[in-house]
């Protein structure tokens, strides 16, 4: 008998494998990996919509000069 709520890293193969091994289990994705996936999608969309921003890179040149001085 496995855990009632096994988690995974968003690998689509896990859902079927977990169901086969522990049919009564409820599968959920790890929040860390889900947020990582979401952030990658947001960045991809931003790069597609704002290609010039990608050319600038990060951090932008001159950013250190704009920081407040003590």
C-alpha atoms as a PDB file:
ATOM      1  CA  UNK A   1       0.000   0.000   0.000  1.00  0.00           C
ATOM      2  CA  UNK A   2       1.458   3.382  -1.033  1.00  0.00           C
ATOM      3  CA  UNK A   3       0.717   6.894   0.167  1.00  0.00           C
ATOM      4  CA  UNK A   4      -2.798   8.254  -0.320  1.00  0.00           C
ATOM      5  CA  UNK A   5      -1.542  11.376  -2.153  1.00  0.00           C
ATOM      6  CA  UNK A   6       1.727  10.748  -3.983  1.00  0.00           C
ATOM      7  CA  UNK A   7       3.272  13.776  -5.674  1.00  0.00           C
ATOM      8  CA  UNK A   8       5.452  14.106  -8.743  1.00  0.00           C
ATOM      9  CA  UNK A   9       7.381  16.582 -10.879  1.00  0.00           C
ATOM     10  CA  UNK A  10       4.749  16.978 -13.643  1.00  0.00           C
ATOM     11  CA  UNK A  11       6.041  14.058 -15.710  1.00  0.00           C
ATOM     12  CA  UNK A  12       2.913  12.914 -17.611  1.00  0.00           C
ATOM     13  CA  UNK A  13       3.970   9.261 -17.351  1.00  0.00           C
ATOM     14  CA  UNK A  14       3.520   9.306 -13.567  1.00  0.00           C
ATOM     15  CA  UNK A  15      -0.271   9.629 -13.632  1.00  0.00           C
ATOM     16  CA  UNK A  16      -0.849   6.282 -15.337  1.00  0.00           C
ATOM     17  CA  UNK A  17       1.937   4.569 -13.372  1.00  0.00           C
ATOM     18  CA  UNK A  18       0.572   5.781 -10.033  1.00  0.00           C
ATOM     19  CA  UNK A  19      -2.965   4.743 -10.965  1.00  0.00           C
ATOM     20  CA  UNK A  20      -1.742   1.277 -11.916  1.00  0.00           C
ATOM     21  CA  UNK A  21       0.332   0.841  -8.752  1.00  0.00           C
ATOM     22  CA  UNK A  22      -2.076   2.428  -6.267  1.00  0.00           C
ATOM     23  CA  UNK A  23      -5.559   2.686  -7.841  1.00  0.00           C
ATOM     24  CA  UNK A  24      -7.157   4.430  -4.834  1.00  0.00           C
ATOM     25  CA  UNK A  25      -4.441   7.138  -4.654  1.00  0.00           C
ATOM     26  CA  UNK A  26      -5.024  10.751  -5.602  1.00  0.00           C
ATOM     27  CA  UNK A  27      -2.108  12.069  -7.655  1.00  0.00           C
ATOM     28  CA  UNK A  28      -1.005  15.682  -7.320  1.00  0.00           C
ATOM     29  CA  UNK A  29       1.869  17.641  -8.806  1.00  0.00           C
ATOM     30  CA  UNK A  30       4.531  19.165  -6.579  1.00  0.00           C
ATOM     31  CA  UNK A  31       3.825  22.902  -6.195  1.00  0.00           C
ATOM     32  CA  UNK A  32       7.517  23.734  -6.678  1.00  0.00           C
ATOM     33  CA  UNK A  33       7.608  21.956 -10.040  1.00  0.00           C
ATOM     34  CA  UNK A  34       4.210  23.349 -11.053  1.00  0.00           C
ATOM     35  CA  UNK A  35       5.409  26.919 -10.376  1.00  0.00           C
ATOM     36  CA  UNK A  36       8.659  26.228 -12.221  1.00  0.00           C
ATOM     37  CA  UNK A  37       6.671  25.071 -15.254  1.00  0.00           C
ATOM     38  CA  UNK A  38       4.360  28.092 -15.034  1.00  0.00           C
ATOM     39  CA  UNK A  39       7.306  30.518 -14.853  1.00  0.00           C
ATOM     40  CA  UNK A  40       8.913  28.927 -17.921  1.00  0.00           C
ATOM     41  CA  UNK A  41       5.651  29.348 -19.870  1.00  0.00           C
ATOM     42  CA  UNK A  42       5.318  33.002 -18.809  1.00  0.00           C
ATOM     43  CA  UNK A  43       8.892  33.732 -19.875  1.00  0.00           C
ATOM     44  CA  UNK A  44       8.378  31.957 -23.195  1.00  0.00           C
ATOM     45  CA  UNK A  45       5.236  33.990 -23.900  1.00  0.00           C
ATOM     46  CA  UNK A  46       6.972  37.226 -22.953  1.00  0.00           C
ATOM     47  CA  UNK A  47       9.939  36.451 -25.221  1.00  0.00           C
ATOM     48  CA  UNK A  48       7.565  35.741 -28.104  1.00  0.00           C
ATOM     49  CA  UNK A  49       5.605  38.974 -27.596  1.00  0.00           C
ATOM     50  CA  UNK A  50       8.625  41.197 -26.820  1.00  0.00           C
ATOM     51  CA  UNK A  51      11.590  39.950 -28.890  1.00  0.00           C
ATOM     52  CA  UNK A  52      13.521  43.223 -28.412  1.00  0.00           C
ATOM     53  CA  UNK A  53      13.479  42.704 -24.645  1.00  0.00           C
ATOM     54  CA  UNK A  54      15.236  39.374 -25.145  1.00  0.00           C
ATOM     55  CA  UNK A  55      18.002  41.161 -27.072  1.00  0.00           C
ATOM     56  CA  UNK A  56      18.699  43.366 -24.055  1.00  0.00           C
ATOM     57  CA  UNK A  57      19.433  40.412 -21.826  1.00  0.00           C
ATOM     58  CA  UNK A  58      19.395  40.484 -18.063  1.00  0.00           C
ATOM     59  CA  UNK A  59      20.490  42.399 -16.169  1.00  0.00           C
ATOM     60  CA  UNK A  60      20.268  45.300 -18.607  1.00  0.00           C
ATOM     61  CA  UNK A  61      23.482  47.225 -19.210  1.00  0.00           C
ATOM     62  CA  UNK A  62      23.749  50.232 -16.918  1.00  0.00           C
ATOM     63  CA  UNK A  63      21.444  48.848 -14.220  1.00  0.00           C
ATOM     64  CA  UNK A  64      24.165  48.979 -11.554  1.00  0.00           C
ATOM     65  CA  UNK A  65      24.648  52.713 -12.200  1.00  0.00           C
ATOM     66  CA  UNK A  66      20.950  53.330 -11.469  1.00  0.00           C
ATOM     67  CA  UNK A  67      21.051  51.691  -8.037  1.00  0.00           C
ATOM     68  CA  UNK A  68      20.802  54.115  -5.087  1.00  0.00           C
ATOM     69  CA  UNK A  69      24.119  54.887  -3.443  1.00  0.00           C
ATOM     70  CA  UNK A  70      24.496  54.804   0.364  1.00  0.00           C
END
